[in-house]
Amino acid sequence: MSTCTEKVGDNAANSKPNLIGNEEKNVGILALEVYTPSTFISQSKLEEHSGVAQGRYTIGLGQDGLAVAGDSEDINSLCLTVVQSLLEKYEINPDEVG
């Protein structure tokens, strides 16, 4: 499993919250998380197996490998992995989201 977190915006780390009434609100995208499954298929072997021209994926698309989810992963588990990572990294209480 590999994840990547990135702050979004010029001053995301030091941004001031927007004030609405007497409450402070953070509005917009403040962070981004990406999950890439650790299992992958070699693109050169996929080119050979698929019968396409050599270099179609490796040179044409610039890919060395194609990440694939394992049999224990689906779109829901991928999304929950990312959300859990964001909540933990930024110490966000799930009850405060919404």
Protein backbone atom coordinates (compact mmCIF):
# COMPACT_ATOMS: atom_id res chain seq x y z
CA MET A 1 0.00 0.00 0.00
CA SER A 2 1.25 3.45 -0.82
CA THR A 3 -0.43 6.75 -0.15
CA CYS A 4 0.46 10.32 -0.94
CA THR A 5 -0.90 13.39 0.81
CA GLU A 6 -0.63 16.86 -0.62
CA LYS A 7 -1.74 20.23 0.63
CA VAL A 8 -3.73 22.04 -2.02
CA GLY A 9 -3.47 25.78 -2.63
CA ASP A 10 -0.74 28.38 -2.29
CA ASN A 11 -0.95 28.85 1.47
CA ALA A 12 -2.91 25.74 2.46
CA ALA A 13 -0.71 25.09 5.51
CA ASN A 14 -1.08 28.66 6.79
CA SER A 15 -4.48 29.53 5.34
CA LYS A 16 -6.88 31.48 7.49
CA PRO A 17 -10.36 30.00 7.84
CA ASN A 18 -13.30 31.84 6.33
CA LEU A 19 -15.51 33.47 8.92
CA ILE A 20 -19.25 32.87 8.62
CA GLY A 21 -21.20 34.44 11.44
CA ASN A 22 -19.39 33.65 14.68
CA GLU A 23 -18.12 30.27 13.50
CA GLU A 24 -14.84 29.60 11.75
CA LYS A 25 -15.26 27.43 8.63
CA ASN A 26 -12.65 25.87 6.36
CA VAL A 27 -14.19 25.84 2.91
CA GLY A 28 -12.89 24.11 -0.21
CA ILE A 29 -10.24 21.49 -0.83
CA LEU A 30 -7.61 21.68 1.89
CA ALA A 31 -5.79 18.36 1.29
CA LEU A 32 -5.61 15.56 -1.24
CA GLU A 33 -4.87 11.88 -0.69
CA VAL A 34 -4.01 9.28 -3.33
CA TYR A 35 -3.86 5.51 -2.86
CA THR A 36 -2.02 3.24 -5.26
CA PRO A 37 -2.35 -0.54 -4.88
CA SER A 38 0.99 -2.31 -4.49
CA THR A 39 0.13 -5.00 -7.06
CA PHE A 40 0.93 -4.10 -10.64
CA ILE A 41 1.22 -5.57 -14.12
CA SER A 42 4.31 -4.92 -16.23
CA GLN A 43 3.23 -2.84 -19.20
CA SER A 44 5.82 -4.42 -21.50
CA LYS A 45 4.42 -7.87 -20.67
CA LEU A 46 0.89 -6.57 -21.15
CA GLU A 47 1.86 -5.25 -24.60
CA GLU A 48 3.19 -8.69 -25.50
CA HIS A 49 0.13 -10.51 -24.11
CA SER A 50 -2.34 -8.13 -25.78
CA GLY A 51 -0.60 -8.34 -29.14
CA VAL A 52 -0.24 -4.57 -29.50
CA ALA A 53 2.82 -2.83 -30.90
CA GLN A 54 5.88 -2.86 -28.64
CA GLY A 55 6.10 0.49 -26.85
CA ARG A 56 2.41 1.33 -27.14
CA TYR A 57 2.01 1.47 -23.35
CA THR A 58 5.62 1.95 -22.25
CA ILE A 59 6.59 4.65 -24.73
CA GLY A 60 3.20 5.88 -25.95
CA LEU A 61 1.68 6.25 -22.49
CA GLY A 62 4.96 6.44 -20.57
CA GLN A 63 3.95 3.68 -18.16
CA ASP A 64 6.14 0.98 -16.63
CA GLY A 65 3.37 -0.72 -14.72
CA LEU A 66 -0.39 -0.74 -14.31
CA ALA A 67 -1.57 -0.85 -10.70
CA VAL A 68 -4.41 -3.26 -10.01
CA ALA A 69 -6.46 -3.80 -6.90
CA GLY A 70 -6.08 -7.17 -5.22
CA ASP A 71 -8.93 -9.60 -4.62
CA SER A 72 -9.46 -8.16 -1.13
CA GLU A 73 -9.83 -4.58 -2.43
CA ASP A 74 -12.76 -2.89 -4.12
CA ILE A 75 -13.68 0.74 -4.78
CA ASN A 76 -15.18 1.07 -1.29
CA SER A 77 -12.10 -0.21 0.54
CA LEU A 78 -9.84 2.00 -1.61
CA CYS A 79 -11.92 5.08 -0.74
CA LEU A 80 -12.09 4.22 2.95
CA THR A 81 -8.31 3.72 3.07
CA VAL A 82 -7.81 7.23 1.70
CA VAL A 83 -10.39 8.82 4.01
CA GLN A 84 -8.95 7.08 7.07
CA SER A 85 -5.46 8.29 6.18
CA LEU A 86 -6.63 11.89 5.80
CA LEU A 87 -8.55 11.82 9.08
CA GLU A 88 -5.53 10.45 10.94
CA LYS A 89 -2.93 12.76 9.37
CA TYR A 90 -4.92 15.90 10.06
CA GLU A 91 -6.34 14.71 13.40
CA ILE A 92 -9.93 15.17 12.26
CA ASN A 93 -12.72 13.70 14.36
CA PRO A 94 -15.14 11.91 11.99
CA ASP A 95 -18.06 13.26 14.03
CA GLU A 96 -17.05 16.80 13.03
CA VAL A 97 -17.30 16.11 9.29
CA GLY A 98 -20.49 16.93 7.44
